[in-house]
């Protein structure tokens, strides 16, 4: 599928990505998320099923697989 960014000649290809989202004031990192990523500009698309699964994961109160340090960019 051709990239949806105007002027980009790239094509989307299936990849596993690291998806980061802020939820309830916390930064959540989800690894191995299936996505379509443009081979040229890096634009990323998640399908509806993937988005719904991520939303479901965020609603659960299960313990994460791991915790990572969070660094604040200088203000």
C-alpha atoms as a PDB file:
ATOM      1  CA  UNK A   1       0.000   0.000   0.000  1.00  0.00           C
ATOM      2  CA  UNK A   2       1.361   3.440  -0.940  1.00  0.00           C
ATOM      3  CA  UNK A   3       2.236   5.835   1.882  1.00  0.00           C
ATOM      4  CA  UNK A   4      -0.549   8.299   2.749  1.00  0.00           C
ATOM      5  CA  UNK A   5       1.852  11.189   3.424  1.00  0.00           C
ATOM      6  CA  UNK A   6       1.660  13.658   0.537  1.00  0.00           C
ATOM      7  CA  UNK A   7       4.747  13.497  -1.673  1.00  0.00           C
ATOM      8  CA  UNK A   8       6.240  10.415  -0.016  1.00  0.00           C
ATOM      9  CA  UNK A   9       7.072   7.699  -2.560  1.00  0.00           C
ATOM     10  CA  UNK A  10       7.239   4.940   0.072  1.00  0.00           C
ATOM     11  CA  UNK A  11       5.154   1.837   0.586  1.00  0.00           C
ATOM     12  CA  UNK A  12       3.803   0.483   3.872  1.00  0.00           C
ATOM     13  CA  UNK A  13       5.232  -2.814   5.064  1.00  0.00           C
ATOM     14  CA  UNK A  14       4.359  -4.991   8.036  1.00  0.00           C
ATOM     15  CA  UNK A  15       6.648  -4.659  11.053  1.00  0.00           C
ATOM     16  CA  UNK A  16       6.632  -5.107  14.822  1.00  0.00           C
ATOM     17  CA  UNK A  17       7.156  -1.800  16.618  1.00  0.00           C
ATOM     18  CA  UNK A  18       7.565  -0.402  20.112  1.00  0.00           C
ATOM     19  CA  UNK A  19       4.432   1.661  20.820  1.00  0.00           C
ATOM     20  CA  UNK A  20       4.513   4.345  23.512  1.00  0.00           C
ATOM     21  CA  UNK A  21       1.408   5.969  24.969  1.00  0.00           C
ATOM     22  CA  UNK A  22       0.634   8.161  27.981  1.00  0.00           C
ATOM     23  CA  UNK A  23      -2.202   6.635  30.017  1.00  0.00           C
ATOM     24  CA  UNK A  24      -3.550   8.007  33.301  1.00  0.00           C
ATOM     25  CA  UNK A  25      -0.458  10.159  33.723  1.00  0.00           C
ATOM     26  CA  UNK A  26       1.991   7.311  33.143  1.00  0.00           C
ATOM     27  CA  UNK A  27       4.112   6.476  30.124  1.00  0.00           C
ATOM     28  CA  UNK A  28       3.363   2.957  28.905  1.00  0.00           C
ATOM     29  CA  UNK A  29       5.609   1.133  26.443  1.00  0.00           C
ATOM     30  CA  UNK A  30       4.235  -1.861  24.526  1.00  0.00           C
ATOM     31  CA  UNK A  31       6.699  -3.999  22.570  1.00  0.00           C
ATOM     32  CA  UNK A  32       6.116  -6.159  19.484  1.00  0.00           C
ATOM     33  CA  UNK A  33       3.026  -4.287  18.249  1.00  0.00           C
ATOM     34  CA  UNK A  34       2.062  -5.196  14.665  1.00  0.00           C
ATOM     35  CA  UNK A  35       1.934  -2.126  12.434  1.00  0.00           C
ATOM     36  CA  UNK A  36       2.306  -0.919   8.875  1.00  0.00           C
ATOM     37  CA  UNK A  37       5.367   1.342   8.550  1.00  0.00           C
ATOM     38  CA  UNK A  38       6.384   3.411   5.526  1.00  0.00           C
ATOM     39  CA  UNK A  39       9.721   2.266   4.148  1.00  0.00           C
ATOM     40  CA  UNK A  40      10.750   5.862   3.355  1.00  0.00           C
ATOM     41  CA  UNK A  41       9.321   8.319   5.913  1.00  0.00           C
ATOM     42  CA  UNK A  42       8.472   5.962   8.782  1.00  0.00           C
ATOM     43  CA  UNK A  43       4.782   6.914   8.984  1.00  0.00           C
ATOM     44  CA  UNK A  44       3.079   4.268  11.126  1.00  0.00           C
ATOM     45  CA  UNK A  45      -0.446   2.839  10.932  1.00  0.00           C
ATOM     46  CA  UNK A  46      -2.171   0.600  13.472  1.00  0.00           C
ATOM     47  CA  UNK A  47      -5.275  -1.308  12.429  1.00  0.00           C
ATOM     48  CA  UNK A  48      -8.508  -1.238  14.425  1.00  0.00           C
ATOM     49  CA  UNK A  49      -8.018  -4.691  15.978  1.00  0.00           C
ATOM     50  CA  UNK A  50      -4.539  -3.757  17.231  1.00  0.00           C
ATOM     51  CA  UNK A  51      -5.775  -0.441  18.627  1.00  0.00           C
ATOM     52  CA  UNK A  52      -8.640  -2.177  20.438  1.00  0.00           C
ATOM     53  CA  UNK A  53      -6.259  -4.750  21.927  1.00  0.00           C
ATOM     54  CA  UNK A  54      -3.941  -1.984  23.180  1.00  0.00           C
ATOM     55  CA  UNK A  55      -6.901  -0.177  24.743  1.00  0.00           C
ATOM     56  CA  UNK A  56      -7.917  -3.415  26.456  1.00  0.00           C
ATOM     57  CA  UNK A  57      -4.393  -3.944  27.785  1.00  0.00           C
ATOM     58  CA  UNK A  58      -4.380  -0.446  29.249  1.00  0.00           C
ATOM     59  CA  UNK A  59      -7.667  -1.052  31.073  1.00  0.00           C
ATOM     60  CA  UNK A  60      -6.335  -4.170  32.840  1.00  0.00           C
ATOM     61  CA  UNK A  61      -4.556  -3.745  36.133  1.00  0.00           C
ATOM     62  CA  UNK A  62      -2.017  -6.486  35.514  1.00  0.00           C
ATOM     63  CA  UNK A  63       1.620  -6.031  36.421  1.00  0.00           C
ATOM     64  CA  UNK A  64       3.806  -5.054  33.448  1.00  0.00           C
ATOM     65  CA  UNK A  65       6.437  -7.450  32.117  1.00  0.00           C
ATOM     66  CA  UNK A  66       9.189  -5.001  33.070  1.00  0.00           C
ATOM     67  CA  UNK A  67       9.794  -1.435  34.198  1.00  0.00           C
ATOM     68  CA  UNK A  68      12.165   0.979  32.498  1.00  0.00           C
ATOM     69  CA  UNK A  69      13.711   4.293  33.532  1.00  0.00           C
ATOM     70  CA  UNK A  70      12.053   7.441  32.234  1.00  0.00           C
ATOM     71  CA  UNK A  71      14.249  10.427  31.470  1.00  0.00           C
ATOM     72  CA  UNK A  72      12.797  13.933  31.250  1.00  0.00           C
ATOM     73  CA  UNK A  73      14.108  16.110  28.425  1.00  0.00           C
ATOM     74  CA  UNK A  74      15.516  19.334  29.913  1.00  0.00           C
ATOM     75  CA  UNK A  75      12.820  21.995  30.123  1.00  0.00           C
END
